[in-house]
């Protein structure tokens, strides 16, 4: 299974990169330890982390240390916060039955302008939401989380209560985001709109799909969010999609970030 992972050793330490399969295993292990009561507060106990580290190595054949897994825990938690705020925002019209947003293109543009981290969910959902709801519980934004084992006792065995989300967002980058996303061609069929946009206009959705395929860039990381910001400009999207090799795309992103880290 280690073949799924691009491994580079820096000072004898394996660099952590996260494929979908790796992330899935990580979430499953976090859920397992949460249900076992090894997360009495907002963090896992020493035993909980030890079990996660050892199980991750045993299942995938790759040795990540506690710090690397903790970093991914923090990134995953931030993604959960962004997702919860998004689906709780009325203008985005999230339908839990169909698992789709009913927001207009303009609504999306306005929301992403204020919450750039949500751009990654414009064309895809957050994976493993059911597991994450159980792990993070009913206060995704607040740090005062309560372990599921204790919540189940309070609720007489009922399922985890619906998330009580604050309408406050996460810290916004201190830079000015462009006012509007590129307008998509109007059509009765959303599929037709997205297809035409991808083929002709170097769409944000296509860029995000390519970014997600780059194992070198972890979802939710600083470089990942920087890439989402620069995708607001069409010329950046064209360059990104015209670069065919992931390694070249990675080098270009890092160079651009070093030259204009705040996109002033």
C-alpha atoms as a PDB file:
ATOM      1  CA  UNK A   1       0.000   0.000   0.000  1.00  0.00           C
ATOM      2  CA  UNK A   2       2.958   2.239   0.388  1.00  0.00           C
ATOM      3  CA  UNK A   3       2.991   2.451  -3.404  1.00  0.00           C
ATOM      4  CA  UNK A   4       0.006   4.827  -3.180  1.00  0.00           C
ATOM      5  CA  UNK A   5       2.227   7.271  -1.349  1.00  0.00           C
ATOM      6  CA  UNK A   6       5.020   9.424  -2.719  1.00  0.00           C
ATOM      7  CA  UNK A   7       7.674   9.123  -0.083  1.00  0.00           C
ATOM      8  CA  UNK A   8      10.607  11.448   0.404  1.00  0.00           C
ATOM      9  CA  UNK A   9      12.914  11.239   3.365  1.00  0.00           C
ATOM     10  CA  UNK A  10      14.199  14.421   4.962  1.00  0.00           C
ATOM     11  CA  UNK A  11      16.665  13.631   7.676  1.00  0.00           C
ATOM     12  CA  UNK A  12      15.318  10.078   7.850  1.00  0.00           C
ATOM     13  CA  UNK A  13      11.715  11.225   8.303  1.00  0.00           C
ATOM     14  CA  UNK A  14       8.970  10.337   5.844  1.00  0.00           C
ATOM     15  CA  UNK A  15       7.222  13.388   4.394  1.00  0.00           C
ATOM     16  CA  UNK A  16       3.469  13.116   4.888  1.00  0.00           C
ATOM     17  CA  UNK A  17       1.296  13.432   1.817  1.00  0.00           C
ATOM     18  CA  UNK A  18      -2.354  12.463   1.858  1.00  0.00           C
ATOM     19  CA  UNK A  19      -4.169  10.437  -0.781  1.00  0.00           C
ATOM     20  CA  UNK A  20      -7.916   9.788  -0.524  1.00  0.00           C
ATOM     21  CA  UNK A  21      -7.205   6.275   0.787  1.00  0.00           C
ATOM     22  CA  UNK A  22      -4.798   7.573   3.436  1.00  0.00           C
ATOM     23  CA  UNK A  23      -7.280  10.208   4.579  1.00  0.00           C
ATOM     24  CA  UNK A  24     -10.087   7.613   4.720  1.00  0.00           C
ATOM     25  CA  UNK A  25      -8.005   5.348   6.957  1.00  0.00           C
ATOM     26  CA  UNK A  26      -7.075   8.290   9.188  1.00  0.00           C
ATOM     27  CA  UNK A  27     -10.727   9.300   9.648  1.00  0.00           C
ATOM     28  CA  UNK A  28     -11.737   5.706  10.414  1.00  0.00           C
ATOM     29  CA  UNK A  29      -9.025   5.416  13.061  1.00  0.00           C
ATOM     30  CA  UNK A  30     -10.000   8.744  14.643  1.00  0.00           C
ATOM     31  CA  UNK A  31     -13.630   7.599  14.748  1.00  0.00           C
ATOM     32  CA  UNK A  32     -12.617   4.310  16.341  1.00  0.00           C
ATOM     33  CA  UNK A  33     -10.611   5.998  19.094  1.00  0.00           C
ATOM     34  CA  UNK A  34     -13.342   8.586  19.686  1.00  0.00           C
ATOM     35  CA  UNK A  35     -15.965   5.889  20.200  1.00  0.00           C
ATOM     36  CA  UNK A  36     -13.604   4.044  22.537  1.00  0.00           C
ATOM     37  CA  UNK A  37     -13.500   7.107  24.780  1.00  0.00           C
ATOM     38  CA  UNK A  38      -9.893   8.038  24.037  1.00  0.00           C
ATOM     39  CA  UNK A  39     -10.874  11.628  23.289  1.00  0.00           C
ATOM     40  CA  UNK A  40     -12.342  12.952  26.546  1.00  0.00           C
ATOM     41  CA  UNK A  41     -12.099  16.597  25.487  1.00  0.00           C
ATOM     42  CA  UNK A  42     -10.932  18.342  22.339  1.00  0.00           C
ATOM     43  CA  UNK A  43      -7.871  16.122  21.848  1.00  0.00           C
ATOM     44  CA  UNK A  44      -6.994  12.464  21.939  1.00  0.00           C
ATOM     45  CA  UNK A  45      -5.294  10.967  24.963  1.00  0.00           C
ATOM     46  CA  UNK A  46      -1.735   9.659  24.733  1.00  0.00           C
ATOM     47  CA  UNK A  47      -3.154   6.169  24.383  1.00  0.00           C
ATOM     48  CA  UNK A  48      -5.500   7.342  21.627  1.00  0.00           C
ATOM     49  CA  UNK A  49      -2.685   8.872  19.593  1.00  0.00           C
ATOM     50  CA  UNK A  50      -0.477   5.819  20.158  1.00  0.00           C
ATOM     51  CA  UNK A  51      -3.240   3.575  18.832  1.00  0.00           C
ATOM     52  CA  UNK A  52      -3.779   5.801  15.793  1.00  0.00           C
ATOM     53  CA  UNK A  53      -0.059   5.947  14.972  1.00  0.00           C
ATOM     54  CA  UNK A  54       0.408   2.179  15.274  1.00  0.00           C
ATOM     55  CA  UNK A  55      -2.818   1.268  13.430  1.00  0.00           C
ATOM     56  CA  UNK A  56      -2.027   3.670  10.603  1.00  0.00           C
ATOM     57  CA  UNK A  57       1.366   2.049  10.128  1.00  0.00           C
ATOM     58  CA  UNK A  58      -0.054  -1.459  10.336  1.00  0.00           C
ATOM     59  CA  UNK A  59      -2.843  -0.816   7.826  1.00  0.00           C
ATOM     60  CA  UNK A  60      -0.915   1.242   5.247  1.00  0.00           C
ATOM     61  CA  UNK A  61       2.709   0.301   5.740  1.00  0.00           C
ATOM     62  CA  UNK A  62       3.792   3.925   6.101  1.00  0.00           C
ATOM     63  CA  UNK A  63       5.153   5.353   9.340  1.00  0.00           C
ATOM     64  CA  UNK A  64       3.830   8.826  10.198  1.00  0.00           C
ATOM     65  CA  UNK A  65       4.646  10.182  13.637  1.00  0.00           C
ATOM     66  CA  UNK A  66       2.196  11.756  16.060  1.00  0.00           C
ATOM     67  CA  UNK A  67       3.039  15.311  14.990  1.00  0.00           C
ATOM     68  CA  UNK A  68       2.319  14.567  11.329  1.00  0.00           C
ATOM     69  CA  UNK A  69      -1.002  12.935  12.165  1.00  0.00           C
ATOM     70  CA  UNK A  70      -1.868  15.780  14.551  1.00  0.00           C
ATOM     71  CA  UNK A  71      -1.221  18.282  11.745  1.00  0.00           C
ATOM     72  CA  UNK A  72      -3.628  16.371   9.517  1.00  0.00           C
ATOM     73  CA  UNK A  73      -6.147  16.291  12.362  1.00  0.00           C
ATOM     74  CA  UNK A  74      -5.984  20.109  12.566  1.00  0.00           C
ATOM     75  CA  UNK A  75      -6.393  20.461   8.801  1.00  0.00           C
ATOM     76  CA  UNK A  76      -9.350  18.068   8.783  1.00  0.00           C
ATOM     77  CA  UNK A  77     -10.983  19.930  11.648  1.00  0.00           C
ATOM     78  CA  UNK A  78     -10.614  23.252   9.808  1.00  0.00           C
ATOM     79  CA  UNK A  79     -12.220  21.711   6.725  1.00  0.00           C
ATOM     80  CA  UNK A  80     -15.093  20.524   8.904  1.00  0.00           C
ATOM     81  CA  UNK A  81     -15.600  24.048  10.273  1.00  0.00           C
ATOM     82  CA  UNK A  82     -15.663  25.526   6.777  1.00  0.00           C
ATOM     83  CA  UNK A  83     -18.112  22.882   5.575  1.00  0.00           C
ATOM     84  CA  UNK A  84     -20.476  23.278   8.547  1.00  0.00           C
ATOM     85  CA  UNK A  85     -20.626  27.037   8.157  1.00  0.00           C
ATOM     86  CA  UNK A  86     -21.304  26.618   4.441  1.00  0.00           C
ATOM     87  CA  UNK A  87     -24.234  24.227   4.788  1.00  0.00           C
ATOM     88  CA  UNK A  88     -25.720  26.261   7.665  1.00  0.00           C
ATOM     89  CA  UNK A  89     -25.786  29.450   5.572  1.00  0.00           C
ATOM     90  CA  UNK A  90     -29.352  29.927   4.324  1.00  0.00           C
ATOM     91  CA  UNK A  91     -28.427  31.600   1.041  1.00  0.00           C
ATOM     92  CA  UNK A  92     -26.490  28.480  -0.006  1.00  0.00           C
ATOM     93  CA  UNK A  93     -29.705  26.387   0.213  1.00  0.00           C
ATOM     94  CA  UNK A  94     -28.152  23.074   1.213  1.00  0.00           C
ATOM     95  CA  UNK A  95     -30.612  20.187   0.840  1.00  0.00           C
ATOM     96  CA  UNK A  96     -29.623  17.296   3.154  1.00  0.00           C
ATOM     97  CA  UNK A  97     -31.962  14.968   1.255  1.00  0.00           C
ATOM     98  CA  UNK A  98     -30.477  15.468  -2.205  1.00  0.00           C
ATOM     99  CA  UNK A  99     -27.030  16.398  -0.815  1.00  0.00           C
ATOM    100  CA  UNK A 100     -26.908  19.382  -3.178  1.00  0.00           C
ATOM    101  CA  UNK A 101     -26.722  23.157  -2.929  1.00  0.00           C
ATOM    102  CA  UNK A 102     -29.479  25.262  -4.461  1.00  0.00           C
ATOM    103  CA  UNK A 103     -27.503  28.505  -4.425  1.00  0.00           C
ATOM    104  CA  UNK A 104     -27.241  30.598  -7.579  1.00  0.00           C
ATOM    105  CA  UNK A 105     -23.942  31.426  -9.273  1.00  0.00           C
ATOM    106  CA  UNK A 106     -24.174  34.911  -7.781  1.00  0.00           C
ATOM    107  CA  UNK A 107     -24.769  33.503  -4.283  1.00  0.00           C
ATOM    108  CA  UNK A 108     -21.695  31.320  -4.646  1.00  0.00           C
ATOM    109  CA  UNK A 109     -19.611  34.256  -5.865  1.00  0.00           C
ATOM    110  CA  UNK A 110     -20.649  36.416  -2.915  1.00  0.00           C
ATOM    111  CA  UNK A 111     -20.085  33.651  -0.384  1.00  0.00           C
ATOM    112  CA  UNK A 112     -16.655  32.673  -1.700  1.00  0.00           C
ATOM    113  CA  UNK A 113     -15.640  36.328  -1.737  1.00  0.00           C
ATOM    114  CA  UNK A 114     -16.174  36.417   2.023  1.00  0.00           C
ATOM    115  CA  UNK A 115     -15.146  32.802   2.682  1.00  0.00           C
ATOM    116  CA  UNK A 116     -12.437  31.833   0.141  1.00  0.00           C
ATOM    117  CA  UNK A 117     -11.787  28.503   1.850  1.00  0.00           C
ATOM    118  CA  UNK A 118     -15.253  27.329   0.780  1.00  0.00           C
ATOM    119  CA  UNK A 119     -14.293  27.447  -2.913  1.00  0.00           C
ATOM    120  CA  UNK A 120     -13.066  23.853  -2.676  1.00  0.00           C
ATOM    121  CA  UNK A 121     -16.668  22.745  -2.049  1.00  0.00           C
ATOM    122  CA  UNK A 122     -18.139  24.529  -5.073  1.00  0.00           C
ATOM    123  CA  UNK A 123     -18.036  21.365  -7.164  1.00  0.00           C
ATOM    124  CA  UNK A 124     -17.598  18.602  -4.602  1.00  0.00           C
ATOM    125  CA  UNK A 125     -18.712  17.752  -1.090  1.00  0.00           C
ATOM    126  CA  UNK A 126     -16.594  17.239   1.987  1.00  0.00           C
ATOM    127  CA  UNK A 127     -15.863  13.489   2.200  1.00  0.00           C
ATOM    128  CA  UNK A 128     -16.807  11.371   5.228  1.00  0.00           C
ATOM    129  CA  UNK A 129     -19.220  13.913   6.741  1.00  0.00           C
ATOM    130  CA  UNK A 130     -21.079  11.289   8.780  1.00  0.00           C
ATOM    131  CA  UNK A 131     -17.885  10.098  10.415  1.00  0.00           C
ATOM    132  CA  UNK A 132     -16.661  13.653  11.026  1.00  0.00           C
ATOM    133  CA  UNK A 133     -19.963  14.662  12.633  1.00  0.00           C
ATOM    134  CA  UNK A 134     -19.554  11.853  15.133  1.00  0.00           C
ATOM    135  CA  UNK A 135     -15.896  12.704  15.741  1.00  0.00           C
ATOM    136  CA  UNK A 136     -16.260  16.474  16.152  1.00  0.00           C
ATOM    137  CA  UNK A 137     -19.738  16.421  17.618  1.00  0.00           C
ATOM    138  CA  UNK A 138     -22.232  19.243  17.982  1.00  0.00           C
ATOM    139  CA  UNK A 139     -19.909  22.241  18.211  1.00  0.00           C
ATOM    140  CA  UNK A 140     -17.706  22.224  15.149  1.00  0.00           C
ATOM    141  CA  UNK A 141     -16.649  25.861  15.444  1.00  0.00           C
ATOM    142  CA  UNK A 142     -16.341  25.948  19.218  1.00  0.00           C
ATOM    143  CA  UNK A 143     -13.431  24.263  20.950  1.00  0.00           C
ATOM    144  CA  UNK A 144     -15.751  23.071  23.734  1.00  0.00           C
ATOM    145  CA  UNK A 145     -16.495  19.726  22.182  1.00  0.00           C
ATOM    146  CA  UNK A 146     -17.893  16.827  24.151  1.00  0.00           C
ATOM    147  CA  UNK A 147     -16.956  13.207  23.507  1.00  0.00           C
ATOM    148  CA  UNK A 148     -19.671  11.153  21.735  1.00  0.00           C
ATOM    149  CA  UNK A 149     -19.762   8.556  24.541  1.00  0.00           C
ATOM    150  CA  UNK A 150     -20.842  11.220  27.016  1.00  0.00           C
ATOM    151  CA  UNK A 151     -23.299  12.816  24.541  1.00  0.00           C
ATOM    152  CA  UNK A 152     -24.978   9.454  23.917  1.00  0.00           C
ATOM    153  CA  UNK A 153     -25.689   9.085  27.656  1.00  0.00           C
ATOM    154  CA  UNK A 154     -27.213  12.555  27.836  1.00  0.00           C
ATOM    155  CA  UNK A 155     -29.437  11.862  24.838  1.00  0.00           C
ATOM    156  CA  UNK A 156     -30.670   8.452  26.024  1.00  0.00           C
ATOM    157  CA  UNK A 157     -28.964   6.565  23.243  1.00  0.00           C
ATOM    158  CA  UNK A 158     -30.124   8.881  20.454  1.00  0.00           C
ATOM    159  CA  UNK A 159     -27.816   9.783  17.583  1.00  0.00           C
ATOM    160  CA  UNK A 160     -25.440  12.714  17.784  1.00  0.00           C
ATOM    161  CA  UNK A 161     -27.499  15.952  17.929  1.00  0.00           C
ATOM    162  CA  UNK A 162     -27.653  18.349  15.002  1.00  0.00           C
ATOM    163  CA  UNK A 163     -24.712  20.707  14.846  1.00  0.00           C
ATOM    164  CA  UNK A 164     -25.273  24.029  16.574  1.00  0.00           C
ATOM    165  CA  UNK A 165     -23.148  26.266  14.423  1.00  0.00           C
ATOM    166  CA  UNK A 166     -22.084  29.843  15.052  1.00  0.00           C
ATOM    167  CA  UNK A 167     -22.499  32.198  12.142  1.00  0.00           C
ATOM    168  CA  UNK A 168     -19.014  33.574  12.715  1.00  0.00           C
ATOM    169  CA  UNK A 169     -16.446  32.581  10.104  1.00  0.00           C
ATOM    170  CA  UNK A 170     -12.819  31.569  10.437  1.00  0.00           C
ATOM    171  CA  UNK A 171     -10.065  34.123  10.251  1.00  0.00           C
ATOM    172  CA  UNK A 172     -10.078  35.812   6.866  1.00  0.00           C
ATOM    173  CA  UNK A 173      -6.842  36.473   4.995  1.00  0.00           C
ATOM    174  CA  UNK A 174      -5.821  40.122   5.280  1.00  0.00           C
ATOM    175  CA  UNK A 175      -5.900  40.602   1.552  1.00  0.00           C
ATOM    176  CA  UNK A 176      -8.545  41.842  -0.859  1.00  0.00           C
ATOM    177  CA  UNK A 177     -10.354  39.110  -2.773  1.00  0.00           C
ATOM    178  CA  UNK A 178     -11.634  39.956  -6.225  1.00  0.00           C
ATOM    179  CA  UNK A 179     -15.250  41.006  -6.113  1.00  0.00           C
ATOM    180  CA  UNK A 180     -16.752  38.401  -8.373  1.00  0.00           C
ATOM    181  CA  UNK A 181     -15.921  35.012  -9.816  1.00  0.00           C
ATOM    182  CA  UNK A 182     -15.943  34.683 -13.587  1.00  0.00           C
ATOM    183  CA  UNK A 183     -19.580  34.514 -14.665  1.00  0.00           C
ATOM    184  CA  UNK A 184     -20.659  31.141 -16.030  1.00  0.00           C
ATOM    185  CA  UNK A 185     -22.803  30.871 -19.118  1.00  0.00           C
ATOM    186  CA  UNK A 186     -26.474  30.680 -18.129  1.00  0.00           C
ATOM    187  CA  UNK A 187     -28.245  27.464 -18.914  1.00  0.00           C
ATOM    188  CA  UNK A 188     -31.154  25.409 -17.655  1.00  0.00           C
ATOM    189  CA  UNK A 189     -28.802  22.488 -17.127  1.00  0.00           C
ATOM    190  CA  UNK A 190     -26.155  22.919 -14.447  1.00  0.00           C
ATOM    191  CA  UNK A 191     -24.226  20.031 -15.988  1.00  0.00           C
ATOM    192  CA  UNK A 192     -24.205  21.800 -19.345  1.00  0.00           C
ATOM    193  CA  UNK A 193     -22.997  25.024 -17.736  1.00  0.00           C
ATOM    194  CA  UNK A 194     -20.160  23.333 -15.903  1.00  0.00           C
ATOM    195  CA  UNK A 195     -19.145  21.276 -18.937  1.00  0.00           C
ATOM    196  CA  UNK A 196     -19.032  24.294 -21.241  1.00  0.00           C
ATOM    197  CA  UNK A 197     -17.166  26.309 -18.626  1.00  0.00           C
ATOM    198  CA  UNK A 198     -14.526  23.636 -18.188  1.00  0.00           C
ATOM    199  CA  UNK A 199     -13.933  23.296 -21.928  1.00  0.00           C
ATOM    200  CA  UNK A 200     -13.839  26.990 -22.829  1.00  0.00           C
ATOM    201  CA  UNK A 201     -13.138  29.132 -19.797  1.00  0.00           C
ATOM    202  CA  UNK A 202     -10.549  27.312 -17.655  1.00  0.00           C
ATOM    203  CA  UNK A 203     -13.044  27.052 -14.799  1.00  0.00           C
ATOM    204  CA  UNK A 204     -12.338  27.191 -11.094  1.00  0.00           C
ATOM    205  CA  UNK A 205     -13.892  23.739 -10.758  1.00  0.00           C
ATOM    206  CA  UNK A 206     -11.461  22.202 -13.219  1.00  0.00           C
ATOM    207  CA  UNK A 207      -8.533  23.830 -11.432  1.00  0.00           C
ATOM    208  CA  UNK A 208      -9.696  22.473  -8.079  1.00  0.00           C
ATOM    209  CA  UNK A 209     -10.052  18.978  -9.538  1.00  0.00           C
ATOM    210  CA  UNK A 210      -6.465  19.148 -10.824  1.00  0.00           C
ATOM    211  CA  UNK A 211      -5.273  20.515  -7.494  1.00  0.00           C
ATOM    212  CA  UNK A 212      -6.952  17.663  -5.634  1.00  0.00           C
ATOM    213  CA  UNK A 213      -5.107  15.145  -7.813  1.00  0.00           C
ATOM    214  CA  UNK A 214      -1.771  16.609  -6.729  1.00  0.00           C
ATOM    215  CA  UNK A 215      -0.645  14.383  -3.869  1.00  0.00           C
ATOM    216  CA  UNK A 216       2.081  16.896  -3.025  1.00  0.00           C
ATOM    217  CA  UNK A 217      -0.507  19.476  -1.888  1.00  0.00           C
ATOM    218  CA  UNK A 218      -2.530  18.560   1.194  1.00  0.00           C
ATOM    219  CA  UNK A 219      -6.171  19.694   1.160  1.00  0.00           C
ATOM    220  CA  UNK A 220      -6.656  22.641   3.497  1.00  0.00           C
ATOM    221  CA  UNK A 221      -2.949  23.413   3.788  1.00  0.00           C
ATOM    222  CA  UNK A 222      -1.581  26.935   3.398  1.00  0.00           C
ATOM    223  CA  UNK A 223      -0.450  26.232  -0.181  1.00  0.00           C
ATOM    224  CA  UNK A 224      -3.824  24.653  -1.038  1.00  0.00           C
ATOM    225  CA  UNK A 225      -5.762  27.713   0.167  1.00  0.00           C
ATOM    226  CA  UNK A 226      -3.304  30.011  -1.620  1.00  0.00           C
ATOM    227  CA  UNK A 227      -4.028  28.124  -4.847  1.00  0.00           C
ATOM    228  CA  UNK A 228      -7.775  28.631  -4.348  1.00  0.00           C
ATOM    229  CA  UNK A 229      -7.187  32.363  -4.025  1.00  0.00           C
ATOM    230  CA  UNK A 230      -5.173  32.662  -7.232  1.00  0.00           C
ATOM    231  CA  UNK A 231      -7.780  30.620  -9.135  1.00  0.00           C
ATOM    232  CA  UNK A 232     -10.018  33.702  -8.882  1.00  0.00           C
ATOM    233  CA  UNK A 233      -7.924  35.143 -11.736  1.00  0.00           C
ATOM    234  CA  UNK A 234      -8.414  33.626 -15.152  1.00  0.00           C
ATOM    235  CA  UNK A 235      -4.798  34.086 -16.249  1.00  0.00           C
ATOM    236  CA  UNK A 236      -3.645  32.050 -13.248  1.00  0.00           C
ATOM    237  CA  UNK A 237      -6.141  29.311 -14.056  1.00  0.00           C
ATOM    238  CA  UNK A 238      -4.922  29.146 -17.651  1.00  0.00           C
ATOM    239  CA  UNK A 239      -1.286  28.805 -16.599  1.00  0.00           C
ATOM    240  CA  UNK A 240      -2.106  26.185 -13.958  1.00  0.00           C
ATOM    241  CA  UNK A 241      -4.082  24.009 -16.377  1.00  0.00           C
ATOM    242  CA  UNK A 242      -1.607  24.403 -19.229  1.00  0.00           C
ATOM    243  CA  UNK A 243       1.196  23.032 -17.043  1.00  0.00           C
ATOM    244  CA  UNK A 244       0.850  19.296 -17.582  1.00  0.00           C
ATOM    245  CA  UNK A 245       3.291  17.902 -15.017  1.00  0.00           C
ATOM    246  CA  UNK A 246       2.248  17.988 -11.331  1.00  0.00           C
ATOM    247  CA  UNK A 247       5.842  18.713 -10.323  1.00  0.00           C
ATOM    248  CA  UNK A 248       5.904  21.796 -12.545  1.00  0.00           C
ATOM    249  CA  UNK A 249       2.531  22.960 -11.225  1.00  0.00           C
ATOM    250  CA  UNK A 250       3.855  22.531  -7.694  1.00  0.00           C
ATOM    251  CA  UNK A 251       7.001  24.535  -8.451  1.00  0.00           C
ATOM    252  CA  UNK A 252       4.919  27.301 -10.066  1.00  0.00           C
ATOM    253  CA  UNK A 253       2.567  27.529  -7.067  1.00  0.00           C
ATOM    254  CA  UNK A 254       5.461  27.699  -4.614  1.00  0.00           C
ATOM    255  CA  UNK A 255       7.235  30.345  -6.682  1.00  0.00           C
ATOM    256  CA  UNK A 256       4.097  32.459  -6.988  1.00  0.00           C
ATOM    257  CA  UNK A 257       3.461  32.184  -3.248  1.00  0.00           C
ATOM    258  CA  UNK A 258       6.989  33.318  -2.458  1.00  0.00           C
ATOM    259  CA  UNK A 259       6.696  36.294  -4.820  1.00  0.00           C
ATOM    260  CA  UNK A 260       3.241  37.480  -3.762  1.00  0.00           C
ATOM    261  CA  UNK A 261       2.252  35.636  -0.547  1.00  0.00           C
ATOM    262  CA  UNK A 262      -0.655  37.976   0.227  1.00  0.00           C
ATOM    263  CA  UNK A 263      -1.817  38.676  -3.345  1.00  0.00           C
ATOM    264  CA  UNK A 264      -1.891  42.446  -2.820  1.00  0.00           C
END
